Every structure is written in structure tokens, then in C-alpha cells.
Amino acid sequence: MIRIGVLYLWIVPVSFGMAGMVMVINAAFNGLGQPLPGVAVSIIRMVLVYLPAEYSTGSGSETSSVITVAFDGPKGVL
């Protein structure tokens, strides 16, 4: 259980940092009047991060579940 907590605490700060960078990039492109590059960044993030994380949860391992919670948050808990 400690191993899972350590993994979670490594993944969460990285995911928040990456989400912040994507938000800044999107805001910058929107400010420049070019929203399509920002949309492309969001789609690339979804394809490269979210979809593999969701696919990995199908294996049923504890680690893959922690990865999905780190990226998506604990849905249905609150």
C-alpha cells in the first residue's frame, strides 16, 4: 500500500504541472487569435496521456488504477 501511495505522490505533481502548461499554451494561442493550435495541443494530450492511462486500467492491477486516479481524480468519491 505504501508503494502505491509513493507512486501516486510522484504522478500527481507531474500531472498538475503538465495540465498547467497546457492551459497556459491554450490561453496564449487563444490570445493570439489562433485557437486551433491550442485545440491540437489538447487533443495530443488526450491521445498520449489519457487514453493510455484509461486503457491500462483494464488490466486490473493496483498501479494502473492509481495512474488513472492521478490523471482523472477520484470520481464518485465526493
PDB file of N, CA and C in Angstrom:
ATOM      1  N   MET A   1       0.825  -1.191   0.000  1.00  0.00           N
ATOM      2  CA  MET A   1       0.000   0.000   0.000  1.00  0.00           C
ATOM      3  C   MET A   1       0.871   1.258   0.000  1.00  0.00           C
ATOM      4  N   ILE A   2       1.970   1.229   0.711  1.00  0.00           N
ATOM      5  CA  ILE A   2       2.880   2.378   0.737  1.00  0.00           C
ATOM      6  C   ILE A   2       3.443   2.633  -0.665  1.00  0.00           C
ATOM      7  N   ARG A   3       3.747   1.563  -1.378  1.00  0.00           N
ATOM      8  CA  ARG A   3       4.294   1.678  -2.736  1.00  0.00           C
ATOM      9  C   ARG A   3       3.325   2.423  -3.644  1.00  0.00           C
ATOM     10  N   ILE A   4       2.058   2.129  -3.500  1.00  0.00           N
ATOM     11  CA  ILE A   4       1.047   2.792  -4.319  1.00  0.00           C
ATOM     12  C   ILE A   4       0.951   4.276  -3.953  1.00  0.00           C
ATOM     13  N   GLY A   5       1.011   4.569  -2.662  1.00  0.00           N
ATOM     14  CA  GLY A   5       0.965   5.965  -2.229  1.00  0.00           C
ATOM     15  C   GLY A   5       2.152   6.760  -2.737  1.00  0.00           C
ATOM     16  N   VAL A   6       3.329   6.152  -2.720  1.00  0.00           N
ATOM     17  CA  VAL A   6       4.528   6.834  -3.227  1.00  0.00           C
ATOM     18  C   VAL A   6       4.390   7.091  -4.722  1.00  0.00           C
ATOM     19  N   LEU A   7       3.918   6.105  -5.462  1.00  0.00           N
ATOM     20  CA  LEU A   7       3.716   6.282  -6.894  1.00  0.00           C
ATOM     21  C   LEU A   7       2.714   7.407  -7.159  1.00  0.00           C
ATOM     22  N   TYR A   8       1.638   7.415  -6.415  1.00  0.00           N
ATOM     23  CA  TYR A   8       0.613   8.461  -6.565  1.00  0.00           C
ATOM     24  C   TYR A   8       1.207   9.842  -6.311  1.00  0.00           C
ATOM     25  N   LEU A   9       2.035   9.965  -5.266  1.00  0.00           N
ATOM     26  CA  LEU A   9       2.616  11.260  -4.927  1.00  0.00           C
ATOM     27  C   LEU A   9       3.691  11.691  -5.923  1.00  0.00           C
ATOM     28  N   TRP A  10       4.198  10.787  -6.725  1.00  0.00           N
ATOM     29  CA  TRP A  10       5.101  11.162  -7.807  1.00  0.00           C
ATOM     30  C   TRP A  10       4.318  11.592  -9.047  1.00  0.00           C
ATOM     31  N   ILE A  11       3.195  10.959  -9.300  1.00  0.00           N
ATOM     32  CA  ILE A  11       2.437  11.224 -10.520  1.00  0.00           C
ATOM     33  C   ILE A  11       1.625  12.509 -10.421  1.00  0.00           C
ATOM     34  N   VAL A  12       1.006  12.768  -9.289  1.00  0.00           N
ATOM     35  CA  VAL A  12       0.099  13.911  -9.160  1.00  0.00           C
ATOM     36  C   VAL A  12       0.784  15.245  -9.433  1.00  0.00           C
ATOM     37  N   PRO A  13       1.943  15.552  -8.840  1.00  0.00           N
ATOM     38  CA  PRO A  13       2.559  16.851  -9.140  1.00  0.00           C
ATOM     39  C   PRO A  13       2.932  17.005 -10.615  1.00  0.00           C
ATOM     40  N   VAL A  14       3.393  15.924 -11.223  1.00  0.00           N
ATOM     41  CA  VAL A  14       3.746  15.988 -12.641  1.00  0.00           C
ATOM     42  C   VAL A  14       2.504  16.258 -13.486  1.00  0.00           C
ATOM     43  N   SER A  15       1.405  15.581 -13.147  1.00  0.00           N
ATOM     44  CA  SER A  15       0.189  15.772 -13.934  1.00  0.00           C
ATOM     45  C   SER A  15      -0.372  17.186 -13.761  1.00  0.00           C
ATOM     46  N   PHE A  16      -0.278  17.753 -12.558  1.00  0.00           N
ATOM     47  CA  PHE A  16      -0.736  19.130 -12.370  1.00  0.00           C
ATOM     48  C   PHE A  16       0.144  20.109 -13.138  1.00  0.00           C
ATOM     49  N   GLY A  17       1.448  19.860 -13.132  1.00  0.00           N
ATOM     50  CA  GLY A  17       2.364  20.722 -13.877  1.00  0.00           C
ATOM     51  C   GLY A  17       2.087  20.689 -15.367  1.00  0.00           C
ATOM     52  N   MET A  18       1.871  19.484 -15.894  1.00  0.00           N
ATOM     53  CA  MET A  18       1.578  19.348 -17.319  1.00  0.00           C
ATOM     54  C   MET A  18       0.228  19.987 -17.661  1.00  0.00           C
ATOM     55  N   ALA A  19      -0.760  19.807 -16.811  1.00  0.00           N
ATOM     56  CA  ALA A  19      -2.070  20.422 -17.060  1.00  0.00           C
ATOM     57  C   ALA A  19      -1.953  21.942 -17.062  1.00  0.00           C
ATOM     58  N   GLY A  20      -1.155  22.485 -16.156  1.00  0.00           N
ATOM     59  CA  GLY A  20      -0.937  23.927 -16.120  1.00  0.00           C
ATOM     60  C   GLY A  20      -0.258  24.439 -17.380  1.00  0.00           C
ATOM     61  N   MET A  21       0.728  23.672 -17.872  1.00  0.00           N
ATOM     62  CA  MET A  21       1.407  24.080 -19.103  1.00  0.00           C
ATOM     63  C   MET A  21       0.448  24.072 -20.284  1.00  0.00           C
ATOM     64  N   VAL A  22      -0.402  23.066 -20.361  1.00  0.00           N
ATOM     65  CA  VAL A  22      -1.372  23.001 -21.457  1.00  0.00           C
ATOM     66  C   VAL A  22      -2.347  24.170 -21.369  1.00  0.00           C
ATOM     67  N   MET A  23      -2.777  24.520 -20.160  1.00  0.00           N
ATOM     68  CA  MET A  23      -3.698  25.653 -20.008  1.00  0.00           C
ATOM     69  C   MET A  23      -3.038  26.962 -20.443  1.00  0.00           C
ATOM     70  N   VAL A  24      -1.770  27.145 -20.095  1.00  0.00           N
ATOM     71  CA  VAL A  24      -1.059  28.364 -20.496  1.00  0.00           C
ATOM     72  C   VAL A  24      -0.892  28.411 -22.009  1.00  0.00           C
ATOM     73  N   ILE A  25      -0.532  27.270 -22.605  1.00  0.00           N
ATOM     74  CA  ILE A  25      -0.380  27.218 -24.061  1.00  0.00           C
ATOM     75  C   ILE A  25      -1.707  27.536 -24.751  1.00  0.00           C
ATOM     76  N   ASN A  26      -2.788  26.932 -24.259  1.00  0.00           N
ATOM     77  CA  ASN A  26      -4.110  27.206 -24.846  1.00  0.00           C
ATOM     78  C   ASN A  26      -4.488  28.679 -24.709  1.00  0.00           C
ATOM     79  N   ALA A  27      -4.245  29.261 -23.554  1.00  0.00           N
ATOM     80  CA  ALA A  27      -4.573  30.675 -23.348  1.00  0.00           C
ATOM     81  C   ALA A  27      -3.728  31.568 -24.253  1.00  0.00           C
ATOM     82  N   ALA A  28      -2.463  31.210 -24.434  1.00  0.00           N
ATOM     83  CA  ALA A  28      -1.592  32.011 -25.295  1.00  0.00           C
ATOM     84  C   ALA A  28      -2.078  31.963 -26.744  1.00  0.00           C
ATOM     85  N   PHE A  29      -2.404  30.768 -27.226  1.00  0.00           N
ATOM     86  CA  PHE A  29      -2.894  30.671 -28.600  1.00  0.00           C
ATOM     87  C   PHE A  29      -4.237  31.381 -28.767  1.00  0.00           C
ATOM     88  N   ASN A  30      -5.104  31.263 -27.782  1.00  0.00           N
ATOM     89  CA  ASN A  30      -6.385  31.976 -27.854  1.00  0.00           C
ATOM     90  C   ASN A  30      -6.167  33.480 -27.855  1.00  0.00           C
ATOM     91  N   GLY A  31      -5.217  33.940 -27.061  1.00  0.00           N
ATOM     92  CA  GLY A  31      -4.906  35.366 -27.022  1.00  0.00           C
ATOM     93  C   GLY A  31      -4.337  35.881 -28.336  1.00  0.00           C
ATOM     94  N   LEU A  32      -3.623  35.015 -29.037  1.00  0.00           N
ATOM     95  CA  LEU A  32      -3.075  35.386 -30.341  1.00  0.00           C
ATOM     96  C   LEU A  32      -4.116  35.299 -31.457  1.00  0.00           C
ATOM     97  N   GLY A  33      -5.305  34.826 -31.100  1.00  0.00           N
ATOM     98  CA  GLY A  33      -6.359  34.700 -32.096  1.00  0.00           C
ATOM     99  C   GLY A  33      -6.235  33.456 -32.959  1.00  0.00           C
ATOM    100  N   GLN A  34      -5.482  32.466 -32.471  1.00  0.00           N
ATOM    101  CA  GLN A  34      -5.294  31.215 -33.201  1.00  0.00           C
ATOM    102  C   GLN A  34      -5.661  30.035 -32.300  1.00  0.00           C
ATOM    103  N   PRO A  35      -6.930  29.727 -32.183  1.00  0.00           N
ATOM    104  CA  PRO A  35      -7.338  28.678 -31.248  1.00  0.00           C
ATOM    105  C   PRO A  35      -7.031  27.259 -31.716  1.00  0.00           C
ATOM    106  N   LEU A  36      -6.850  27.029 -33.000  1.00  0.00           N
ATOM    107  CA  LEU A  36      -6.646  25.665 -33.487  1.00  0.00           C
ATOM    108  C   LEU A  36      -5.358  25.004 -32.962  1.00  0.00           C
ATOM    109  N   PRO A  37      -4.224  25.716 -32.868  1.00  0.00           N
ATOM    110  CA  PRO A  37      -3.059  25.059 -32.262  1.00  0.00           C
ATOM    111  C   PRO A  37      -3.299  24.648 -30.803  1.00  0.00           C
ATOM    112  N   GLY A  38      -4.065  25.447 -30.072  1.00  0.00           N
ATOM    113  CA  GLY A  38      -4.413  25.084 -28.693  1.00  0.00           C
ATOM    114  C   GLY A  38      -5.280  23.840 -28.634  1.00  0.00           C
ATOM    115  N   VAL A  39      -6.213  23.743 -29.569  1.00  0.00           N
ATOM    116  CA  VAL A  39      -7.054  22.550 -29.656  1.00  0.00           C
ATOM    117  C   VAL A  39      -6.190  21.333 -29.982  1.00  0.00           C
ATOM    118  N   ALA A  40      -5.224  21.506 -30.884  1.00  0.00           N
ATOM    119  CA  ALA A  40      -4.329  20.412 -31.244  1.00  0.00           C
ATOM    120  C   ALA A  40      -3.520  19.940 -30.035  1.00  0.00           C
ATOM    121  N   VAL A  41      -3.053  20.872 -29.219  1.00  0.00           N
ATOM    122  CA  VAL A  41      -2.310  20.504 -28.007  1.00  0.00           C
ATOM    123  C   VAL A  41      -3.202  19.699 -27.068  1.00  0.00           C
ATOM    124  N   SER A  42      -4.442  20.109 -26.910  1.00  0.00           N
ATOM    125  CA  SER A  42      -5.364  19.378 -26.027  1.00  0.00           C
ATOM    126  C   SER A  42      -5.667  17.979 -26.562  1.00  0.00           C
ATOM    127  N   ILE A  43      -5.840  17.862 -27.857  1.00  0.00           N
ATOM    128  CA  ILE A  43      -6.117  16.545 -28.443  1.00  0.00           C
ATOM    129  C   ILE A  43      -4.897  15.638 -28.315  1.00  0.00           C
ATOM    130  N   ILE A  44      -3.716  16.188 -28.554  1.00  0.00           N
ATOM    131  CA  ILE A  44      -2.490  15.394 -28.408  1.00  0.00           C
ATOM    132  C   ILE A  44      -2.334  14.925 -26.970  1.00  0.00           C
ATOM    133  N   ARG A  45      -2.633  15.797 -26.009  1.00  0.00           N
ATOM    134  CA  ARG A  45      -2.554  15.397 -24.596  1.00  0.00           C
ATOM    135  C   ARG A  45      -3.519  14.260 -24.303  1.00  0.00           C
ATOM    136  N   MET A  46      -4.714  14.348 -24.844  1.00  0.00           N
ATOM    137  CA  MET A  46      -5.695  13.297 -24.614  1.00  0.00           C
ATOM    138  C   MET A  46      -5.215  11.967 -25.201  1.00  0.00           C
ATOM    139  N   VAL A  47      -4.699  12.015 -26.419  1.00  0.00           N
ATOM    140  CA  VAL A  47      -4.286  10.780 -27.092  1.00  0.00           C
ATOM    141  C   VAL A  47      -3.048  10.176 -26.437  1.00  0.00           C
ATOM    142  N   LEU A  48      -2.102  11.009 -26.016  1.00  0.00           N
ATOM    143  CA  LEU A  48      -0.841  10.492 -25.473  1.00  0.00           C
ATOM    144  C   LEU A  48      -0.881  10.193 -23.985  1.00  0.00           C
ATOM    145  N   VAL A  49      -1.807  10.813 -23.250  1.00  0.00           N
ATOM    146  CA  VAL A  49      -1.821  10.625 -21.788  1.00  0.00           C
ATOM    147  C   VAL A  49      -3.086   9.917 -21.316  1.00  0.00           C
ATOM    148  N   TYR A  50      -4.243  10.499 -21.606  1.00  0.00           N
ATOM    149  CA  TYR A  50      -5.487   9.973 -21.045  1.00  0.00           C
ATOM    150  C   TYR A  50      -5.874   8.612 -21.598  1.00  0.00           C
ATOM    151  N   LEU A  51      -5.813   8.461 -22.904  1.00  0.00           N
ATOM    152  CA  LEU A  51      -6.227   7.181 -23.480  1.00  0.00           C
ATOM    153  C   LEU A  51      -5.346   6.011 -23.032  1.00  0.00           C
ATOM    154  N   PRO A  52      -4.009   6.136 -23.036  1.00  0.00           N
ATOM    155  CA  PRO A  52      -3.207   5.021 -22.499  1.00  0.00           C
ATOM    156  C   PRO A  52      -3.461   4.762 -21.015  1.00  0.00           C
ATOM    157  N   ALA A  53      -3.691   5.821 -20.242  1.00  0.00           N
ATOM    158  CA  ALA A  53      -3.968   5.622 -18.820  1.00  0.00           C
ATOM    159  C   ALA A  53      -5.288   4.878 -18.627  1.00  0.00           C
ATOM    160  N   GLU A  54      -6.285   5.232 -19.396  1.00  0.00           N
ATOM    161  CA  GLU A  54      -7.571   4.536 -19.303  1.00  0.00           C
ATOM    162  C   GLU A  54      -7.458   3.096 -19.789  1.00  0.00           C
ATOM    163  N   TYR A  55      -6.698   2.892 -20.844  1.00  0.00           N
ATOM    164  CA  TYR A  55      -6.526   1.537 -21.365  1.00  0.00           C
ATOM    165  C   TYR A  55      -5.807   0.660 -20.351  1.00  0.00           C
ATOM    166  N   SER A  56      -4.845   1.244 -19.644  1.00  0.00           N
ATOM    167  CA  SER A  56      -4.063   0.455 -18.684  1.00  0.00           C
ATOM    168  C   SER A  56      -4.903   0.012 -17.489  1.00  0.00           C
ATOM    169  N   THR A  57      -6.024   0.654 -17.217  1.00  0.00           N
ATOM    170  CA  THR A  57      -6.849   0.247 -16.081  1.00  0.00           C
ATOM    171  C   THR A  57      -7.597  -1.045 -16.351  1.00  0.00           C
ATOM    172  N   GLY A  58      -7.655  -1.470 -17.589  1.00  0.00           N
ATOM    173  CA  GLY A  58      -8.334  -2.707 -17.925  1.00  0.00           C
ATOM    174  C   GLY A  58      -7.603  -3.939 -17.426  1.00  0.00           C
ATOM    175  N   SER A  59      -6.330  -3.787 -17.075  1.00  0.00           N
ATOM    176  CA  SER A  59      -5.556  -4.944 -16.626  1.00  0.00           C
ATOM    177  C   SER A  59      -5.910  -5.348 -15.203  1.00  0.00           C
ATOM    178  N   GLY A  60      -6.517  -4.460 -14.441  1.00  0.00           N
ATOM    179  CA  GLY A  60      -6.943  -4.795 -13.081  1.00  0.00           C
ATOM    180  C   GLY A  60      -5.849  -4.675 -12.028  1.00  0.00           C
ATOM    181  N   SER A  61      -4.679  -4.164 -12.385  1.00  0.00           N
ATOM    182  CA  SER A  61      -3.620  -4.032 -11.389  1.00  0.00           C
ATOM    183  C   SER A  61      -3.848  -2.770 -10.557  1.00  0.00           C
ATOM    184  N   GLU A  62      -3.307  -2.766  -9.349  1.00  0.00           N
ATOM    185  CA  GLU A  62      -3.492  -1.609  -8.464  1.00  0.00           C
ATOM    186  C   GLU A  62      -2.787  -0.383  -9.014  1.00  0.00           C
ATOM    187  N   THR A  63      -1.623  -0.580  -9.615  1.00  0.00           N
ATOM    188  CA  THR A  63      -0.847   0.549 -10.128  1.00  0.00           C
ATOM    189  C   THR A  63      -1.589   1.267 -11.233  1.00  0.00           C
ATOM    190  N   SER A  64      -2.196   0.537 -12.149  1.00  0.00           N
ATOM    191  CA  SER A  64      -2.897   1.197 -13.245  1.00  0.00           C
ATOM    192  C   SER A  64      -4.083   2.004 -12.731  1.00  0.00           C
ATOM    193  N   SER A  65      -4.745   1.536 -11.680  1.00  0.00           N
ATOM    194  CA  SER A  65      -5.848   2.289 -11.104  1.00  0.00           C
ATOM    195  C   SER A  65      -5.359   3.594 -10.492  1.00  0.00           C
ATOM    196  N   VAL A  66      -4.194   3.555  -9.846  1.00  0.00           N
ATOM    197  CA  VAL A  66      -3.627   4.758  -9.250  1.00  0.00           C
ATOM    198  C   VAL A  66      -3.269   5.759 -10.332  1.00  0.00           C
ATOM    199  N   ILE A  67      -2.758   5.288 -11.463  1.00  0.00           N
ATOM    200  CA  ILE A  67      -2.412   6.193 -12.553  1.00  0.00           C
ATOM    201  C   ILE A  67      -3.653   6.909 -13.059  1.00  0.00           C
ATOM    202  N   THR A  68      -4.738   6.205 -13.224  1.00  0.00           N
ATOM    203  CA  THR A  68      -5.967   6.830 -13.704  1.00  0.00           C
ATOM    204  C   THR A  68      -6.500   7.829 -12.691  1.00  0.00           C
ATOM    205  N   VAL A  69      -6.459   7.504 -11.416  1.00  0.00           N
ATOM    206  CA  VAL A  69      -6.924   8.441 -10.390  1.00  0.00           C
ATOM    207  C   VAL A  69      -6.048   9.678 -10.373  1.00  0.00           C
ATOM    208  N   ALA A  70      -4.742   9.519 -10.592  1.00  0.00           N
ATOM    209  CA  ALA A  70      -3.836  10.667 -10.595  1.00  0.00           C
ATOM    210  C   ALA A  70      -4.156  11.618 -11.733  1.00  0.00           C
ATOM    211  N   PHE A  71      -4.524  11.085 -12.899  1.00  0.00           N
ATOM    212  CA  PHE A  71      -4.820  11.950 -14.040  1.00  0.00           C
ATOM    213  C   PHE A  71      -6.252  12.448 -14.036  1.00  0.00           C
ATOM    214  N   ASP A  72      -7.190  11.637 -13.605  1.00  0.00           N
ATOM    215  CA  ASP A  72      -8.610  11.991 -13.696  1.00  0.00           C
ATOM    216  C   ASP A  72      -9.212  12.452 -12.374  1.00  0.00           C
ATOM    217  N   GLY A  73      -8.583  12.150 -11.267  1.00  0.00           N
ATOM    218  CA  GLY A  73      -9.136  12.455  -9.963  1.00  0.00           C
ATOM    219  C   GLY A  73     -10.058  11.349  -9.500  1.00  0.00           C
ATOM    220  N   PRO A  74     -10.341  11.286  -8.196  1.00  0.00           N
ATOM    221  CA  PRO A  74     -11.182  10.231  -7.659  1.00  0.00           C
ATOM    222  C   PRO A  74     -12.651  10.489  -7.958  1.00  0.00           C
ATOM    223  N   LYS A  75     -13.142   9.968  -9.045  1.00  0.00           N
ATOM    224  CA  LYS A  75     -14.520  10.205  -9.454  1.00  0.00           C
ATOM    225  C   LYS A  75     -15.482   9.435  -8.549  1.00  0.00           C
ATOM    226  N   GLY A  76     -16.526  10.083  -8.163  1.00  0.00           N
ATOM    227  CA  GLY A  76     -17.552   9.429  -7.378  1.00  0.00           C
ATOM    228  C   GLY A  76     -17.250   9.314  -5.894  1.00  0.00           C
ATOM    229  N   VAL A  77     -16.125   9.875  -5.453  1.00  0.00           N
ATOM    230  CA  VAL A  77     -15.780   9.766  -4.039  1.00  0.00           C
ATOM    231  C   VAL A  77     -16.491  10.837  -3.231  1.00  0.00           C
ATOM    232  N   LEU A  78     -16.576  12.037  -3.792  1.00  0.00           N
ATOM    233  CA  LEU A  78     -17.189  13.147  -3.048  1.00  0.00           C
ATOM    234  C   LEU A  78     -18.623  13.332  -3.477  1.00  0.00           C
TER     235      LEU A  78
END
